[in-house]
Amino acid sequence: MRLTKHWRGQISTDEIRIYEADALVAMGAVSSVVPQNVVEQLGVLSIGSRIAEYADGRKDCVDLTEPITFDIIGRETIESAMVLGDEVIIGQTVLEVIDMQVDCHNQKLIPNPAHPDQPAVKIK
Protein backbone atom coordinates (compact mmCIF):
# COMPACT_ATOMS: atom_id res chain seq x y z
CA MET A 1 0.00 0.00 0.00
CA ARG A 2 1.26 3.47 -0.83
CA LEU A 3 0.05 7.00 -0.35
CA THR A 4 -1.19 9.21 -3.17
CA LYS A 5 0.70 12.22 -1.76
CA HIS A 6 3.59 11.42 -4.11
CA TRP A 7 1.44 11.97 -7.19
CA ARG A 8 0.19 15.26 -5.75
CA GLY A 9 3.78 16.44 -5.36
CA GLN A 10 3.52 16.69 -1.57
CA ILE A 11 6.30 14.15 -0.97
CA SER A 12 9.31 12.95 -2.93
CA THR A 13 9.87 9.40 -4.16
CA ASP A 14 12.26 8.82 -1.24
CA GLU A 15 9.47 9.66 1.22
CA ILE A 16 6.95 7.11 -0.08
CA ARG A 17 5.93 4.74 2.70
CA ILE A 18 5.14 1.15 1.78
CA TYR A 19 3.54 -1.46 4.00
CA GLU A 20 3.56 -5.09 2.88
CA ALA A 21 0.99 -7.35 4.51
CA ASP A 22 -0.36 -10.84 4.43
CA ALA A 23 -3.97 -9.77 4.10
CA LEU A 24 -7.25 -11.57 4.63
CA VAL A 25 -9.53 -11.56 1.61
CA ALA A 26 -13.01 -11.32 3.05
CA MET A 27 -15.64 -12.27 0.49
CA GLY A 28 -18.35 -10.67 2.61
CA ALA A 29 -16.52 -7.36 3.06
CA VAL A 30 -17.30 -4.56 0.62
CA SER A 31 -14.64 -2.11 1.80
CA SER A 32 -11.05 -2.81 2.69
CA VAL A 33 -9.78 -2.45 6.23
CA VAL A 34 -6.44 -1.40 7.69
CA PRO A 35 -5.53 -1.39 11.38
CA GLN A 36 -4.48 1.78 13.19
CA ASN A 37 -0.80 0.72 13.32
CA VAL A 38 -0.74 0.49 9.49
CA VAL A 39 -2.35 3.93 9.22
CA GLU A 40 0.40 5.32 11.45
CA GLN A 41 3.20 3.55 9.54
CA LEU A 42 1.90 4.92 6.23
CA GLY A 43 1.25 8.38 7.63
CA VAL A 44 -2.30 8.25 6.26
CA LEU A 45 -4.80 10.90 7.32
CA SER A 46 -8.44 10.36 8.20
CA ILE A 47 -10.87 12.03 5.80
CA GLY A 48 -14.02 11.20 7.69
CA SER A 49 -15.87 8.25 9.11
CA ARG A 50 -18.19 5.45 8.05
CA ILE A 51 -20.45 2.97 9.76
CA ALA A 52 -18.92 -0.50 9.80
CA GLU A 53 -21.37 -3.38 10.14
CA TYR A 54 -19.91 -6.61 11.49
CA ALA A 55 -21.03 -10.14 10.67
CA ASP A 56 -22.79 -10.39 14.05
CA GLY A 57 -24.89 -7.30 13.30
CA ARG A 58 -23.00 -4.84 15.52
CA LYS A 59 -22.35 -1.42 14.05
CA ASP A 60 -19.48 0.94 14.77
CA CYS A 61 -18.45 4.37 13.52
CA VAL A 62 -14.85 4.07 12.25
CA ASP A 63 -12.33 6.37 10.58
CA LEU A 64 -11.94 6.35 6.80
CA THR A 65 -8.45 6.92 5.35
CA GLU A 66 -7.45 9.20 2.57
CA PRO A 67 -6.92 7.20 -0.65
CA ILE A 68 -4.09 4.68 -0.58
CA THR A 69 -2.77 2.43 -3.33
CA PHE A 70 -3.47 -1.27 -3.02
CA ASP A 71 -1.01 -3.28 -5.11
CA ILE A 72 -1.84 -6.98 -5.30
CA ILE A 73 0.35 -9.10 -7.54
CA GLY A 74 1.16 -6.07 -9.71
CA ARG A 75 -2.43 -4.91 -10.13
CA GLU A 76 -3.17 -1.58 -8.49
CA THR A 77 -6.14 0.48 -7.42
CA ILE A 78 -6.50 3.54 -5.23
CA GLU A 79 -9.20 3.80 -2.59
CA SER A 80 -9.91 4.68 1.00
CA ALA A 81 -9.99 2.05 3.72
CA MET A 82 -11.81 1.71 7.00
CA VAL A 83 -9.62 1.85 10.11
CA LEU A 84 -10.26 -0.95 12.59
CA GLY A 85 -9.13 -4.29 13.88
CA ASP A 86 -5.68 -5.83 13.85
CA GLU A 87 -5.32 -7.17 10.30
CA VAL A 88 -5.46 -5.88 6.73
CA ILE A 89 -8.65 -7.02 5.01
CA ILE A 90 -9.14 -6.79 1.25
CA GLY A 91 -12.75 -6.10 0.33
CA GLN A 92 -14.78 -6.66 -2.81
CA THR A 93 -14.29 -3.18 -4.29
CA VAL A 94 -10.51 -3.69 -4.54
CA LEU A 95 -10.90 -7.18 -6.02
CA GLU A 96 -13.43 -6.00 -8.60
CA VAL A 97 -11.34 -3.07 -9.81
CA ILE A 98 -8.11 -5.08 -10.11
CA ASP A 99 -10.05 -7.97 -11.68
CA MET A 100 -8.81 -10.67 -9.31
CA GLN A 101 -10.58 -13.86 -8.29
CA VAL A 102 -10.28 -16.07 -5.25
CA ASP A 103 -8.87 -19.53 -5.91
CA CYS A 104 -10.43 -21.27 -2.90
CA HIS A 105 -8.77 -24.62 -3.61
CA ASN A 106 -5.25 -23.15 -3.47
CA GLN A 107 -6.18 -20.34 -1.03
CA LYS A 108 -4.80 -17.49 -3.12
CA LEU A 109 -5.80 -14.66 -5.42
CA ILE A 110 -5.42 -15.09 -9.16
CA PRO A 111 -5.97 -12.76 -12.11
CA ASN A 112 -9.32 -13.27 -13.82
CA PRO A 113 -8.57 -15.99 -16.44
CA ALA A 114 -10.61 -14.00 -18.97
CA HIS A 115 -8.16 -11.07 -18.53
CA PRO A 116 -4.83 -12.58 -17.47
CA ASP A 117 -2.60 -9.74 -18.69
CA GLN A 118 -4.42 -6.71 -17.29
CA PRO A 119 -7.58 -5.90 -15.38
CA ALA A 120 -10.82 -5.24 -17.22
CA VAL A 121 -13.33 -3.27 -15.18
CA LYS A 122 -17.03 -3.66 -15.79
CA ILE A 123 -18.79 -0.32 -16.16
CA LYS A 124 -22.24 -1.44 -17.16
C-alpha atoms as a PDB file:
ATOM      1  CA  MET A   1       0.000   0.000   0.000  1.00  0.00           C
ATOM      2  CA  ARG A   2       1.259   3.468  -0.829  1.00  0.00           C
ATOM      3  CA  LEU A   3       0.052   7.002  -0.352  1.00  0.00           C
ATOM      4  CA  THR A   4      -1.187   9.207  -3.167  1.00  0.00           C
ATOM      5  CA  LYS A   5       0.701  12.224  -1.762  1.00  0.00           C
ATOM      6  CA  HIS A   6       3.594  11.416  -4.111  1.00  0.00           C
ATOM      7  CA  TRP A   7       1.436  11.967  -7.187  1.00  0.00           C
ATOM      8  CA  ARG A   8       0.189  15.255  -5.754  1.00  0.00           C
ATOM      9  CA  GLY A   9       3.779  16.440  -5.358  1.00  0.00           C
ATOM     10  CA  GLN A  10       3.518  16.688  -1.573  1.00  0.00           C
ATOM     11  CA  ILE A  11       6.304  14.153  -0.967  1.00  0.00           C
ATOM     12  CA  SER A  12       9.310  12.946  -2.934  1.00  0.00           C
ATOM     13  CA  THR A  13       9.865   9.397  -4.162  1.00  0.00           C
ATOM     14  CA  ASP A  14      12.255   8.824  -1.237  1.00  0.00           C
ATOM     15  CA  GLU A  15       9.475   9.658   1.220  1.00  0.00           C
ATOM     16  CA  ILE A  16       6.949   7.111  -0.083  1.00  0.00           C
ATOM     17  CA  ARG A  17       5.930   4.744   2.699  1.00  0.00           C
ATOM     18  CA  ILE A  18       5.144   1.148   1.783  1.00  0.00           C
ATOM     19  CA  TYR A  19       3.542  -1.457   4.004  1.00  0.00           C
ATOM     20  CA  GLU A  20       3.563  -5.094   2.879  1.00  0.00           C
ATOM     21  CA  ALA A  21       0.995  -7.349   4.513  1.00  0.00           C
ATOM     22  CA  ASP A  22      -0.364 -10.842   4.432  1.00  0.00           C
ATOM     23  CA  ALA A  23      -3.969  -9.765   4.098  1.00  0.00           C
ATOM     24  CA  LEU A  24      -7.245 -11.566   4.627  1.00  0.00           C
ATOM     25  CA  VAL A  25      -9.530 -11.557   1.607  1.00  0.00           C
ATOM     26  CA  ALA A  26     -13.012 -11.318   3.051  1.00  0.00           C
ATOM     27  CA  MET A  27     -15.636 -12.275   0.488  1.00  0.00           C
ATOM     28  CA  GLY A  28     -18.349 -10.671   2.613  1.00  0.00           C
ATOM     29  CA  ALA A  29     -16.523  -7.363   3.056  1.00  0.00           C
ATOM     30  CA  VAL A  30     -17.298  -4.563   0.620  1.00  0.00           C
ATOM     31  CA  SER A  31     -14.644  -2.106   1.797  1.00  0.00           C
ATOM     32  CA  SER A  32     -11.055  -2.808   2.685  1.00  0.00           C
ATOM     33  CA  VAL A  33      -9.780  -2.445   6.233  1.00  0.00           C
ATOM     34  CA  VAL A  34      -6.437  -1.397   7.692  1.00  0.00           C
ATOM     35  CA  PRO A  35      -5.526  -1.388  11.379  1.00  0.00           C
ATOM     36  CA  GLN A  36      -4.476   1.784  13.191  1.00  0.00           C
ATOM     37  CA  ASN A  37      -0.802   0.722  13.317  1.00  0.00           C
ATOM     38  CA  VAL A  38      -0.735   0.493   9.492  1.00  0.00           C
ATOM     39  CA  VAL A  39      -2.349   3.927   9.221  1.00  0.00           C
ATOM     40  CA  GLU A  40       0.396   5.317  11.445  1.00  0.00           C
ATOM     41  CA  GLN A  41       3.199   3.553   9.540  1.00  0.00           C
ATOM     42  CA  LEU A  42       1.896   4.916   6.232  1.00  0.00           C
ATOM     43  CA  GLY A  43       1.247   8.383   7.630  1.00  0.00           C
ATOM     44  CA  VAL A  44      -2.300   8.248   6.264  1.00  0.00           C
ATOM     45  CA  LEU A  45      -4.804  10.900   7.315  1.00  0.00           C
ATOM     46  CA  SER A  46      -8.436  10.365   8.204  1.00  0.00           C
ATOM     47  CA  ILE A  47     -10.866  12.034   5.800  1.00  0.00           C
ATOM     48  CA  GLY A  48     -14.021  11.196   7.689  1.00  0.00           C
ATOM     49  CA  SER A  49     -15.866   8.249   9.113  1.00  0.00           C
ATOM     50  CA  ARG A  50     -18.192   5.448   8.047  1.00  0.00           C
ATOM     51  CA  ILE A  51     -20.450   2.975   9.760  1.00  0.00           C
ATOM     52  CA  ALA A  52     -18.920  -0.500   9.797  1.00  0.00           C
ATOM     53  CA  GLU A  53     -21.374  -3.379  10.137  1.00  0.00           C
ATOM     54  CA  TYR A  54     -19.911  -6.610  11.494  1.00  0.00           C
ATOM     55  CA  ALA A  55     -21.035 -10.142  10.673  1.00  0.00           C
ATOM     56  CA  ASP A  56     -22.787 -10.391  14.046  1.00  0.00           C
ATOM     57  CA  GLY A  57     -24.894  -7.302  13.303  1.00  0.00           C
ATOM     58  CA  ARG A  58     -22.995  -4.845  15.524  1.00  0.00           C
ATOM     59  CA  LYS A  59     -22.350  -1.415  14.053  1.00  0.00           C
ATOM     60  CA  ASP A  60     -19.484   0.942  14.770  1.00  0.00           C
ATOM     61  CA  CYS A  61     -18.448   4.370  13.520  1.00  0.00           C
ATOM     62  CA  VAL A  62     -14.849   4.069  12.254  1.00  0.00           C
ATOM     63  CA  ASP A  63     -12.335   6.368  10.581  1.00  0.00           C
ATOM     64  CA  LEU A  64     -11.944   6.346   6.798  1.00  0.00           C
ATOM     65  CA  THR A  65      -8.452   6.921   5.346  1.00  0.00           C
ATOM     66  CA  GLU A  66      -7.454   9.199   2.565  1.00  0.00           C
ATOM     67  CA  PRO A  67      -6.919   7.200  -0.654  1.00  0.00           C
ATOM     68  CA  ILE A  68      -4.087   4.682  -0.578  1.00  0.00           C
ATOM     69  CA  THR A  69      -2.772   2.435  -3.334  1.00  0.00           C
ATOM     70  CA  PHE A  70      -3.472  -1.270  -3.017  1.00  0.00           C
ATOM     71  CA  ASP A  71      -1.006  -3.284  -5.106  1.00  0.00           C
ATOM     72  CA  ILE A  72      -1.838  -6.977  -5.305  1.00  0.00           C
ATOM     73  CA  ILE A  73       0.353  -9.098  -7.543  1.00  0.00           C
ATOM     74  CA  GLY A  74       1.161  -6.074  -9.705  1.00  0.00           C
ATOM     75  CA  ARG A  75      -2.433  -4.909 -10.131  1.00  0.00           C
ATOM     76  CA  GLU A  76      -3.171  -1.581  -8.495  1.00  0.00           C
ATOM     77  CA  THR A  77      -6.137   0.479  -7.420  1.00  0.00           C
ATOM     78  CA  ILE A  78      -6.499   3.538  -5.235  1.00  0.00           C
ATOM     79  CA  GLU A  79      -9.201   3.795  -2.594  1.00  0.00           C
ATOM     80  CA  SER A  80      -9.912   4.680   0.996  1.00  0.00           C
ATOM     81  CA  ALA A  81      -9.989   2.052   3.716  1.00  0.00           C
ATOM     82  CA  MET A  82     -11.815   1.711   7.003  1.00  0.00           C
ATOM     83  CA  VAL A  83      -9.617   1.846  10.108  1.00  0.00           C
ATOM     84  CA  LEU A  84     -10.264  -0.948  12.594  1.00  0.00           C
ATOM     85  CA  GLY A  85      -9.129  -4.294  13.878  1.00  0.00           C
ATOM     86  CA  ASP A  86      -5.683  -5.832  13.845  1.00  0.00           C
ATOM     87  CA  GLU A  87      -5.316  -7.168  10.297  1.00  0.00           C
ATOM     88  CA  VAL A  88      -5.459  -5.885   6.727  1.00  0.00           C
ATOM     89  CA  ILE A  89      -8.651  -7.022   5.008  1.00  0.00           C
ATOM     90  CA  ILE A  90      -9.140  -6.788   1.253  1.00  0.00           C
ATOM     91  CA  GLY A  91     -12.750  -6.103   0.333  1.00  0.00           C
ATOM     92  CA  GLN A  92     -14.777  -6.656  -2.813  1.00  0.00           C
ATOM     93  CA  THR A  93     -14.288  -3.180  -4.287  1.00  0.00           C
ATOM     94  CA  VAL A  94     -10.515  -3.689  -4.543  1.00  0.00           C
ATOM     95  CA  LEU A  95     -10.901  -7.178  -6.020  1.00  0.00           C
ATOM     96  CA  GLU A  96     -13.430  -5.997  -8.603  1.00  0.00           C
ATOM     97  CA  VAL A  97     -11.336  -3.074  -9.807  1.00  0.00           C
ATOM     98  CA  ILE A  98      -8.106  -5.077 -10.112  1.00  0.00           C
ATOM     99  CA  ASP A  99     -10.050  -7.967 -11.679  1.00  0.00           C
ATOM    100  CA  MET A 100      -8.808 -10.669  -9.310  1.00  0.00           C
ATOM    101  CA  GLN A 101     -10.577 -13.859  -8.293  1.00  0.00           C
ATOM    102  CA  VAL A 102     -10.277 -16.069  -5.250  1.00  0.00           C
ATOM    103  CA  ASP A 103      -8.866 -19.534  -5.908  1.00  0.00           C
ATOM    104  CA  CYS A 104     -10.428 -21.268  -2.900  1.00  0.00           C
ATOM    105  CA  HIS A 105      -8.771 -24.622  -3.614  1.00  0.00           C
ATOM    106  CA  ASN A 106      -5.252 -23.149  -3.465  1.00  0.00           C
ATOM    107  CA  GLN A 107      -6.177 -20.342  -1.032  1.00  0.00           C
ATOM    108  CA  LYS A 108      -4.799 -17.495  -3.121  1.00  0.00           C
ATOM    109  CA  LEU A 109      -5.801 -14.664  -5.415  1.00  0.00           C
ATOM    110  CA  ILE A 110      -5.420 -15.088  -9.160  1.00  0.00           C
ATOM    111  CA  PRO A 111      -5.972 -12.760 -12.110  1.00  0.00           C
ATOM    112  CA  ASN A 112      -9.315 -13.268 -13.819  1.00  0.00           C
ATOM    113  CA  PRO A 113      -8.574 -15.986 -16.436  1.00  0.00           C
ATOM    114  CA  ALA A 114     -10.609 -13.999 -18.966  1.00  0.00           C
ATOM    115  CA  HIS A 115      -8.164 -11.073 -18.534  1.00  0.00           C
ATOM    116  CA  PRO A 116      -4.834 -12.585 -17.465  1.00  0.00           C
ATOM    117  CA  ASP A 117      -2.600  -9.743 -18.689  1.00  0.00           C
ATOM    118  CA  GLN A 118      -4.416  -6.708 -17.286  1.00  0.00           C
ATOM    119  CA  PRO A 119      -7.576  -5.897 -15.379  1.00  0.00           C
ATOM    120  CA  ALA A 120     -10.817  -5.241 -17.218  1.00  0.00           C
ATOM    121  CA  VAL A 121     -13.328  -3.273 -15.179  1.00  0.00           C
ATOM    122  CA  LYS A 122     -17.031  -3.663 -15.787  1.00  0.00           C
ATOM    123  CA  ILE A 123     -18.792  -0.319 -16.159  1.00  0.00           C
ATOM    124  CA  LYS A 124     -22.238  -1.445 -17.156  1.00  0.00           C
END
